Protein backbone atom coordinates (compact mmCIF):
# COMPACT_ATOMS: atom_id res chain seq x y z
CA LYS A 1 -3.76 -12.88 -37.66
CA TRP A 2 -5.66 -13.36 -34.38
CA GLY A 3 -8.41 -10.80 -33.82
CA ASP A 4 -8.91 -9.97 -37.50
CA MET A 5 -12.45 -10.28 -38.77
CA ASP A 6 -13.48 -12.04 -41.95
CA THR A 7 -16.73 -11.07 -43.66
CA ALA A 8 -18.82 -14.19 -44.23
CA VAL A 9 -21.88 -12.51 -45.75
CA GLU A 10 -21.98 -9.00 -47.23
CA GLY A 11 -24.96 -6.77 -46.52
CA ASP A 12 -26.69 -4.39 -44.15
CA TRP A 13 -28.31 -6.04 -41.16
CA THR A 14 -31.20 -4.77 -39.04
CA PHE A 15 -32.55 -6.60 -36.00
CA GLU A 16 -35.83 -5.85 -34.29
CA TRP A 17 -37.54 -7.66 -31.45
CA GLU A 18 -40.08 -6.86 -28.80
CA LEU A 19 -39.14 -7.65 -25.23
CA LYS A 20 -41.79 -8.89 -22.85
CA GLY A 21 -42.09 -7.31 -19.43
CA SER A 22 -41.62 -3.78 -18.26
CA ALA A 23 -38.63 -1.45 -18.17
CA LYS A 24 -40.13 0.30 -15.15
CA ALA A 25 -37.89 0.49 -12.07
CA LEU A 26 -39.00 -0.25 -8.51
CA ASP A 27 -38.19 2.22 -5.73
CA VAL A 28 -38.79 1.23 -2.10
CA ASN A 29 -37.83 3.77 0.57
CA GLY A 30 -38.33 4.29 4.29
CA LEU A 31 -37.60 0.72 5.33
CA ASN A 32 -35.88 -0.33 8.54
CA VAL A 33 -35.58 -4.09 8.00
CA PRO A 34 -32.96 -6.07 9.98
CA ILE A 35 -30.68 -8.19 7.78
CA GLY A 36 -30.43 -11.47 9.69
CA LYS A 37 -28.17 -11.29 12.76
CA THR A 38 -25.71 -8.88 11.15
CA GLY A 39 -26.68 -5.76 13.10
CA SER A 40 -27.33 -4.03 9.77
CA THR A 41 -30.67 -2.70 8.60
CA PHE A 42 -31.92 -2.33 5.04
CA THR A 43 -33.36 1.13 4.32
CA SER A 44 -34.00 1.57 0.58
CA VAL A 45 -33.60 0.11 -2.89
CA HIS A 46 -33.78 1.24 -6.50
CA LEU A 47 -34.22 -1.87 -8.64
CA SER A 48 -34.16 -1.64 -12.43
CA PRO A 49 -34.27 -4.48 -14.96
CA ILE A 50 -30.44 -4.46 -15.13
CA HIS A 51 -29.10 -3.11 -11.82
CA VAL A 52 -29.80 -2.61 -8.13
CA GLN A 53 -28.83 0.27 -5.83
CA MET A 54 -29.31 -0.37 -2.11
CA THR A 55 -28.85 1.68 1.04
CA MET A 56 -28.29 0.12 4.45
CA ASN A 57 -27.19 1.15 7.91
CA VAL A 58 -24.09 -0.93 8.64
CA PRO A 59 -22.23 -0.61 11.96
CA ARG A 60 -18.56 0.03 11.39
CA ASN A 61 -16.07 -2.72 12.14
CA PRO A 62 -14.20 -1.69 15.32
CA ASN A 63 -11.35 -4.07 14.37
CA ALA A 64 -10.93 -2.70 10.85
CA GLN A 65 -7.33 -2.56 9.68
CA GLU A 66 -8.19 -0.65 6.51
CA GLU A 67 -10.92 1.79 5.50
CA ASP A 68 -12.69 -0.83 3.35
CA ASP A 69 -12.54 -3.60 5.98
CA THR A 70 -16.30 -3.74 6.56
CA LEU A 71 -18.77 -6.31 7.85
CA GLU A 72 -21.60 -5.42 5.48
CA PRO A 73 -24.09 -7.98 4.24
CA TYR A 74 -23.29 -8.76 0.61
CA PHE A 75 -26.06 -8.69 -2.01
CA TYR A 76 -26.27 -12.18 -3.47
CA GLY A 77 -29.62 -12.82 -5.11
CA ILE A 78 -33.29 -12.12 -5.67
CA GLN A 79 -36.47 -14.03 -5.00
CA LEU A 80 -39.45 -13.56 -7.26
CA LYS A 81 -43.08 -13.52 -6.13
CA ASP A 82 -43.56 -17.02 -7.61
CA GLY A 83 -40.82 -18.35 -5.28
CA THR A 84 -38.06 -18.61 -7.90
CA ARG A 85 -34.65 -17.73 -6.48
CA TYR A 86 -31.77 -16.44 -8.58
CA MET A 87 -28.47 -16.65 -6.70
CA ALA A 88 -25.10 -15.09 -7.55
CA VAL A 89 -26.72 -12.40 -9.72
CA SER A 90 -24.24 -9.61 -8.97
CA GLU A 91 -21.90 -8.74 -11.84
CA GLY A 92 -19.74 -6.03 -10.36
CA GLY A 93 -20.43 -2.57 -9.12
CA SER A 94 -19.36 -0.56 -6.11
CA MET A 95 -19.98 -0.41 -2.41
CA GLY A 96 -18.96 1.68 0.54
CA TYR A 97 -19.90 4.13 3.26
CA VAL A 98 -21.30 7.42 2.01
CA SER A 99 -18.88 9.37 4.24
CA ALA A 100 -16.01 8.77 6.67
CA ASP A 101 -18.16 9.16 9.80
CA SER A 102 -21.45 7.65 8.60
CA GLU A 103 -22.93 4.17 9.02
CA GLU A 104 -24.96 4.69 5.85
CA PHE A 105 -23.69 2.13 3.36
CA GLN A 106 -24.51 1.85 -0.35
CA GLN A 107 -24.16 -1.07 -2.74
CA ILE A 108 -24.63 -0.66 -6.48
CA SER A 109 -24.53 -3.78 -8.59
CA MET A 110 -25.17 -4.73 -12.19
CA LEU A 111 -27.27 -7.88 -12.64
CA ASN A 112 -26.23 -10.84 -14.78
CA ARG A 113 -29.76 -11.20 -16.15
CA ILE A 114 -32.66 -8.92 -17.06
CA ILE A 115 -35.43 -8.96 -14.48
CA GLU A 116 -38.87 -7.46 -14.10
CA PRO A 117 -38.63 -5.39 -10.88
CA ALA A 118 -42.36 -5.62 -10.16
CA GLN A 119 -41.97 -9.41 -9.85
CA VAL A 120 -39.22 -9.21 -7.19
CA GLU A 121 -40.42 -10.12 -3.70
CA SER A 122 -37.12 -10.16 -1.79
CA LEU A 123 -33.44 -9.37 -1.99
CA LEU A 124 -31.05 -12.02 -0.68
CA PHE A 125 -27.80 -11.38 1.17
CA VAL A 126 -24.94 -13.36 2.67
CA SER A 127 -22.75 -12.19 5.55
CA PRO A 128 -19.72 -13.34 7.54
CA LEU A 129 -21.71 -12.35 10.67
CA ASP A 130 -24.65 -14.71 10.03
CA ASP A 131 -24.02 -18.21 8.72
CA SER A 132 -27.68 -19.19 8.40
CA GLY A 133 -27.61 -19.06 4.57
CA ALA A 134 -29.38 -16.53 2.39
CA LEU A 135 -30.65 -13.60 4.44
CA GLU A 136 -33.96 -12.43 3.01
CA VAL A 137 -35.18 -8.82 2.92
CA LYS A 138 -38.79 -8.59 1.76
CA LEU A 139 -39.57 -5.48 -0.32
CA GLN A 140 -43.36 -5.48 -0.11
């Protein structure tokens, strides 16, 4: 039957390994960095080895047909201090305005790889309002 498990080897298993790097998160606050030509500004980030939480000021879309019809820059990747770029790293999460009358916008995203936050130089975004490629926001 599909989904049934067969035991190949009987026994108790224990796995141990030591991960390199640091589990320490990176918090950067008090920024006011423009994100390309989008009209949005990047204000803060909490970056852990497995997820990122960002806050931006994003002007509301005056032509919005629905509440979630926004023009926010979309988190797309990271650039490390050695120049390595990882694109399409977002693996789901949530995003939206913090209240109905605010332009404060939050994105929370799981990452599809484990990173060392201290090695991240920039966050990369894409946007329908700026077609110049990856929009870089330096954290340091």
